[in-house]
Amino acid sequence: MSQRRQFTINVEPHVAEIGDTELLFQPEVMGDEFLDAYEDLQETQKRLGVDVNDLAGVEPEKLRLIVASLRVFLARLMLPDSADEFLAWDVVKAGKVVDSYPTEEEAEARAAKLKDAAVRVGGMRLPDRVLVQLLEWAVELYGGGSRPTTSSTGSAAASPPPGTRGRAVSRSKGSTRTGGR
């Protein structure tokens, strides 16, 4: 007897609402796309010796690099227009933004032509806590292990823990044995 099963592919973008701005994320991301982006993010964290869940006390330059890596990771999962709004590379000279570019390479090329210019991550200004929340949300959406990617209206309910429920019985006070008769 043959079996038939239908699989759904999301076609509506996931939406992150931040104030009055909506950032649109890809409806589906193939496993290797997500894994490549996530691996790059983890490699930067490892190289810098920084845990994004504990940013207190991190040197400012390392923090800048971590924020840039978070933004790059998230932008790789966004639709192009949202990525452009969210992430830009600023050329900074004497503390002021001279130009902004969509890629780090373009910004580096411009900064090299200016004396004492540097490249900094720019784009949509957000508190670090919001960047970390976006990171957690994106990981849940695209790399959530047994949690399937869901529609943009919400996340799948968590699966119950493995094993059967309601079968453990205490035989006597202090006993750790379980089971029936």
C-alpha atoms as a PDB file:
ATOM      1  CA  MET A   1       0.000   0.000   0.000  1.00  0.00           C
ATOM      2  CA  SER A   2       1.457   3.354  -0.958  1.00  0.00           C
ATOM      3  CA  GLN A   3       1.489   6.305   1.371  1.00  0.00           C
ATOM      4  CA  ARG A   4       1.148   9.922   0.509  1.00  0.00           C
ATOM      5  CA  ARG A   5       2.267  12.881   2.556  1.00  0.00           C
ATOM      6  CA  GLN A   6       2.104  16.544   1.677  1.00  0.00           C
ATOM      7  CA  PHE A   7       4.869  18.947   2.741  1.00  0.00           C
ATOM      8  CA  THR A   8       4.438  22.676   3.000  1.00  0.00           C
ATOM      9  CA  ILE A   9       7.058  25.225   2.063  1.00  0.00           C
ATOM     10  CA  ASN A  10       6.650  28.662   3.556  1.00  0.00           C
ATOM     11  CA  VAL A  11       6.282  31.416   0.989  1.00  0.00           C
ATOM     12  CA  GLU A  12       5.476  34.338   3.273  1.00  0.00           C
ATOM     13  CA  PRO A  13       8.470  36.158   4.774  1.00  0.00           C
ATOM     14  CA  HIS A  14       8.998  36.093   8.525  1.00  0.00           C
ATOM     15  CA  VAL A  15       8.575  39.599   9.953  1.00  0.00           C
ATOM     16  CA  ALA A  16      10.539  41.166  12.788  1.00  0.00           C
ATOM     17  CA  GLU A  17       8.774  44.314  13.984  1.00  0.00           C
ATOM     18  CA  ILE A  18      11.111  46.812  15.587  1.00  0.00           C
ATOM     19  CA  GLY A  19       9.304  50.018  16.423  1.00  0.00           C
ATOM     20  CA  ASP A  20       7.776  51.257  13.175  1.00  0.00           C
ATOM     21  CA  THR A  21      10.166  49.181  11.053  1.00  0.00           C
ATOM     22  CA  GLU A  22       9.486  45.737   9.667  1.00  0.00           C
ATOM     23  CA  LEU A  23      12.462  43.608   8.707  1.00  0.00           C
ATOM     24  CA  LEU A  24      11.557  40.789   6.350  1.00  0.00           C
ATOM     25  CA  PHE A  25      13.365  37.477   6.670  1.00  0.00           C
ATOM     26  CA  GLN A  26      13.437  34.751   4.054  1.00  0.00           C
ATOM     27  CA  PRO A  27      10.425  32.420   4.294  1.00  0.00           C
ATOM     28  CA  GLU A  28      12.670  29.350   4.033  1.00  0.00           C
ATOM     29  CA  VAL A  29      16.431  28.989   4.265  1.00  0.00           C
ATOM     30  CA  MET A  30      18.125  25.867   3.035  1.00  0.00           C
ATOM     31  CA  GLY A  31      20.113  24.126   5.752  1.00  0.00           C
ATOM     32  CA  ASP A  32      23.530  24.898   4.322  1.00  0.00           C
ATOM     33  CA  GLU A  33      22.740  28.613   3.950  1.00  0.00           C
ATOM     34  CA  PHE A  34      21.815  28.865   7.608  1.00  0.00           C
ATOM     35  CA  LEU A  35      24.680  26.650   8.740  1.00  0.00           C
ATOM     36  CA  ASP A  36      27.276  28.590   6.729  1.00  0.00           C
ATOM     37  CA  ALA A  37      26.089  31.908   8.178  1.00  0.00           C
ATOM     38  CA  TYR A  38      25.912  30.500  11.702  1.00  0.00           C
ATOM     39  CA  GLU A  39      29.330  28.894  11.415  1.00  0.00           C
ATOM     40  CA  ASP A  40      30.833  32.249  10.372  1.00  0.00           C
ATOM     41  CA  LEU A  41      29.204  33.906  13.392  1.00  0.00           C
ATOM     42  CA  GLN A  42      30.492  31.242  15.779  1.00  0.00           C
ATOM     43  CA  GLU A  43      33.989  31.409  14.283  1.00  0.00           C
ATOM     44  CA  THR A  44      34.151  35.156  14.919  1.00  0.00           C
ATOM     45  CA  GLN A  45      32.983  34.672  18.506  1.00  0.00           C
ATOM     46  CA  LYS A  46      35.510  31.898  19.081  1.00  0.00           C
ATOM     47  CA  ARG A  47      38.366  33.894  17.526  1.00  0.00           C
ATOM     48  CA  LEU A  48      37.556  36.861  19.765  1.00  0.00           C
ATOM     49  CA  GLY A  49      36.816  34.754  22.846  1.00  0.00           C
ATOM     50  CA  VAL A  50      33.441  36.439  23.345  1.00  0.00           C
ATOM     51  CA  ASP A  51      30.111  34.942  24.441  1.00  0.00           C
ATOM     52  CA  VAL A  52      27.203  36.936  22.950  1.00  0.00           C
ATOM     53  CA  ASN A  53      25.064  36.015  25.944  1.00  0.00           C
ATOM     54  CA  ASP A  54      27.485  37.840  28.255  1.00  0.00           C
ATOM     55  CA  LEU A  55      28.690  41.082  26.664  1.00  0.00           C
ATOM     56  CA  ALA A  56      29.406  42.849  29.961  1.00  0.00           C
ATOM     57  CA  GLY A  57      33.045  43.812  30.288  1.00  0.00           C
ATOM     58  CA  VAL A  58      33.932  43.070  26.656  1.00  0.00           C
ATOM     59  CA  GLU A  59      36.537  45.429  25.188  1.00  0.00           C
ATOM     60  CA  PRO A  60      34.918  48.042  22.911  1.00  0.00           C
ATOM     61  CA  GLU A  61      36.804  46.948  19.779  1.00  0.00           C
ATOM     62  CA  LYS A  62      35.844  43.296  20.304  1.00  0.00           C
ATOM     63  CA  LEU A  63      32.254  44.356  20.936  1.00  0.00           C
ATOM     64  CA  ARG A  64      32.224  46.259  17.644  1.00  0.00           C
ATOM     65  CA  LEU A  65      33.430  43.142  15.825  1.00  0.00           C
ATOM     66  CA  ILE A  66      30.806  40.969  17.523  1.00  0.00           C
ATOM     67  CA  VAL A  67      28.030  43.431  16.680  1.00  0.00           C
ATOM     68  CA  ALA A  68      29.237  43.479  13.067  1.00  0.00           C
ATOM     69  CA  SER A  69      29.241  39.670  12.925  1.00  0.00           C
ATOM     70  CA  LEU A  70      25.720  39.539  14.401  1.00  0.00           C
ATOM     71  CA  ARG A  71      24.496  42.044  11.837  1.00  0.00           C
ATOM     72  CA  VAL A  72      26.124  40.167   8.956  1.00  0.00           C
ATOM     73  CA  PHE A  73      24.587  36.885  10.141  1.00  0.00           C
ATOM     74  CA  LEU A  74      21.108  38.396  10.413  1.00  0.00           C
ATOM     75  CA  ALA A  75      21.376  40.284   7.110  1.00  0.00           C
ATOM     76  CA  ARG A  76      22.277  37.035   5.322  1.00  0.00           C
ATOM     77  CA  LEU A  77      18.870  35.667   6.377  1.00  0.00           C
ATOM     78  CA  MET A  78      16.871  38.770   5.396  1.00  0.00           C
ATOM     79  CA  LEU A  79      15.284  39.718   2.117  1.00  0.00           C
ATOM     80  CA  PRO A  80      17.524  42.158   0.189  1.00  0.00           C
ATOM     81  CA  ASP A  81      15.648  45.415   0.931  1.00  0.00           C
ATOM     82  CA  SER A  82      15.545  44.681   4.656  1.00  0.00           C
ATOM     83  CA  ALA A  83      19.202  43.644   4.659  1.00  0.00           C
ATOM     84  CA  ASP A  84      20.126  46.952   2.996  1.00  0.00           C
ATOM     85  CA  GLU A  85      18.196  48.911   5.631  1.00  0.00           C
ATOM     86  CA  PHE A  86      19.574  46.835   8.508  1.00  0.00           C
ATOM     87  CA  LEU A  87      23.246  46.623   7.567  1.00  0.00           C
ATOM     88  CA  ALA A  88      25.580  49.178   6.040  1.00  0.00           C
ATOM     89  CA  TRP A  89      29.311  49.711   6.217  1.00  0.00           C
ATOM     90  CA  ASP A  90      30.271  53.241   7.212  1.00  0.00           C
ATOM     91  CA  VAL A  91      33.539  54.941   6.402  1.00  0.00           C
ATOM     92  CA  VAL A  92      34.377  57.070   9.441  1.00  0.00           C
ATOM     93  CA  LYS A  93      36.937  59.858   9.576  1.00  0.00           C
ATOM     94  CA  ALA A  94      37.503  62.121  12.572  1.00  0.00           C
ATOM     95  CA  GLY A  95      34.472  60.560  14.259  1.00  0.00           C
ATOM     96  CA  LYS A  96      32.079  61.394  11.414  1.00  0.00           C
ATOM     97  CA  VAL A  97      30.533  59.147   8.782  1.00  0.00           C
ATOM     98  CA  VAL A  98      31.935  60.124   5.385  1.00  0.00           C
ATOM     99  CA  ASP A  99      30.146  57.485   3.271  1.00  0.00           C
ATOM    100  CA  SER A 100      28.105  54.303   3.670  1.00  0.00           C
ATOM    101  CA  TYR A 101      28.327  51.191   1.499  1.00  0.00           C
ATOM    102  CA  PRO A 102      26.351  47.968   1.153  1.00  0.00           C
ATOM    103  CA  THR A 103      29.458  45.778   1.430  1.00  0.00           C
ATOM    104  CA  GLU A 104      32.464  45.813   3.701  1.00  0.00           C
ATOM    105  CA  GLU A 105      34.785  45.481   0.704  1.00  0.00           C
ATOM    106  CA  GLU A 106      33.467  48.685  -0.892  1.00  0.00           C
ATOM    107  CA  ALA A 107      33.814  50.556   2.389  1.00  0.00           C
ATOM    108  CA  GLU A 108      37.370  49.240   2.902  1.00  0.00           C
ATOM    109  CA  ALA A 109      38.335  50.375  -0.614  1.00  0.00           C
ATOM    110  CA  ARG A 110      36.998  53.890   0.079  1.00  0.00           C
ATOM    111  CA  ALA A 111      38.643  54.073   3.521  1.00  0.00           C
ATOM    112  CA  ALA A 112      41.994  53.070   1.991  1.00  0.00           C
ATOM    113  CA  LYS A 113      41.843  56.192  -0.189  1.00  0.00           C
ATOM    114  CA  LEU A 114      41.321  58.472   2.819  1.00  0.00           C
ATOM    115  CA  LYS A 115      43.916  59.287   5.435  1.00  0.00           C
ATOM    116  CA  ASP A 116      43.039  58.055   8.951  1.00  0.00           C
ATOM    117  CA  ALA A 117      39.655  56.616   7.952  1.00  0.00           C
ATOM    118  CA  ALA A 118      38.139  53.449   9.420  1.00  0.00           C
ATOM    119  CA  VAL A 119      35.265  51.161   8.535  1.00  0.00           C
ATOM    120  CA  ARG A 120      32.496  50.572  11.082  1.00  0.00           C
ATOM    121  CA  VAL A 121      29.291  48.641  10.897  1.00  0.00           C
ATOM    122  CA  GLY A 122      26.337  50.932  10.382  1.00  0.00           C
ATOM    123  CA  GLY A 123      22.751  50.740   9.279  1.00  0.00           C
ATOM    124  CA  MET A 124      19.729  50.531  11.511  1.00  0.00           C
ATOM    125  CA  ARG A 125      20.654  51.589  15.037  1.00  0.00           C
ATOM    126  CA  LEU A 126      19.557  49.055  17.651  1.00  0.00           C
ATOM    127  CA  PRO A 127      20.400  48.282  21.269  1.00  0.00           C
ATOM    128  CA  ASP A 128      22.611  45.212  21.736  1.00  0.00           C
ATOM    129  CA  ARG A 129      19.812  43.394  23.566  1.00  0.00           C
ATOM    130  CA  VAL A 130      17.583  43.659  20.470  1.00  0.00           C
ATOM    131  CA  LEU A 131      20.366  42.278  18.265  1.00  0.00           C
ATOM    132  CA  VAL A 132      20.719  39.311  20.618  1.00  0.00           C
ATOM    133  CA  GLN A 133      16.927  38.793  20.612  1.00  0.00           C
ATOM    134  CA  LEU A 134      16.933  38.847  16.789  1.00  0.00           C
ATOM    135  CA  LEU A 135      19.747  36.312  16.807  1.00  0.00           C
ATOM    136  CA  GLU A 136      17.821  33.977  19.121  1.00  0.00           C
ATOM    137  CA  TRP A 137      14.673  34.337  17.006  1.00  0.00           C
ATOM    138  CA  ALA A 138      16.525  33.624  13.758  1.00  0.00           C
ATOM    139  CA  VAL A 139      18.202  30.548  15.233  1.00  0.00           C
ATOM    140  CA  GLU A 140      14.803  29.295  16.382  1.00  0.00           C
ATOM    141  CA  LEU A 141      13.262  29.956  12.954  1.00  0.00           C
ATOM    142  CA  TYR A 142      15.913  28.383  10.779  1.00  0.00           C
ATOM    143  CA  GLY A 143      17.991  26.081  12.919  1.00  0.00           C
ATOM    144  CA  GLY A 144      15.604  25.035  15.658  1.00  0.00           C
ATOM    145  CA  GLY A 145      16.535  21.360  15.687  1.00  0.00           C
ATOM    146  CA  SER A 146      13.308  19.393  15.914  1.00  0.00           C
ATOM    147  CA  ARG A 147      11.264  22.570  15.648  1.00  0.00           C
ATOM    148  CA  PRO A 148      10.178  23.058  12.050  1.00  0.00           C
ATOM    149  CA  THR A 149      10.280  26.451  10.418  1.00  0.00           C
ATOM    150  CA  THR A 150       6.804  27.878  10.815  1.00  0.00           C
ATOM    151  CA  SER A 151       4.719  30.619   9.327  1.00  0.00           C
ATOM    152  CA  SER A 152       5.621  34.194  10.103  1.00  0.00           C
ATOM    153  CA  THR A 153       2.717  34.440  12.539  1.00  0.00           C
ATOM    154  CA  GLY A 154       4.428  32.389  15.195  1.00  0.00           C
ATOM    155  CA  SER A 155       6.606  29.517  16.247  1.00  0.00           C
ATOM    156  CA  ALA A 156       5.759  25.871  16.523  1.00  0.00           C
ATOM    157  CA  ALA A 157       4.839  24.646  19.957  1.00  0.00           C
ATOM    158  CA  ALA A 158       7.670  22.905  21.732  1.00  0.00           C
ATOM    159  CA  SER A 159       7.653  19.141  21.440  1.00  0.00           C
ATOM    160  CA  PRO A 160       6.922  17.228  24.639  1.00  0.00           C
ATOM    161  CA  PRO A 161       9.961  15.678  26.312  1.00  0.00           C
ATOM    162  CA  PRO A 162      10.844  12.172  25.144  1.00  0.00           C
ATOM    163  CA  GLY A 163       9.421   9.168  26.958  1.00  0.00           C
ATOM    164  CA  THR A 164       5.978   8.255  28.115  1.00  0.00           C
ATOM    165  CA  ARG A 165       3.995  10.196  30.659  1.00  0.00           C
ATOM    166  CA  GLY A 166       2.067   9.028  33.675  1.00  0.00           C
ATOM    167  CA  ARG A 167       3.747   5.637  34.098  1.00  0.00           C
ATOM    168  CA  ALA A 168       6.131   6.315  36.973  1.00  0.00           C
ATOM    169  CA  VAL A 169       4.876   5.061  40.331  1.00  0.00           C
ATOM    170  CA  SER A 170       6.613   5.409  43.653  1.00  0.00           C
ATOM    171  CA  ARG A 171       6.621   2.050  45.480  1.00  0.00           C
ATOM    172  CA  SER A 172       7.579   3.383  48.886  1.00  0.00           C
ATOM    173  CA  LYS A 173       8.783   6.537  50.498  1.00  0.00           C
ATOM    174  CA  GLY A 174      12.353   7.228  49.381  1.00  0.00           C
ATOM    175  CA  SER A 175      12.298   4.576  46.638  1.00  0.00           C
ATOM    176  CA  THR A 176      13.707   5.541  43.261  1.00  0.00           C
ATOM    177  CA  ARG A 177      12.240   2.536  41.438  1.00  0.00           C
ATOM    178  CA  THR A 178       9.497   3.135  38.911  1.00  0.00           C
ATOM    179  CA  GLY A 179       7.069   1.049  36.991  1.00  0.00           C
ATOM    180  CA  GLY A 180       3.957  -1.007  37.536  1.00  0.00           C
ATOM    181  CA  ARG A 181       3.440  -4.256  39.419  1.00  0.00           C
END
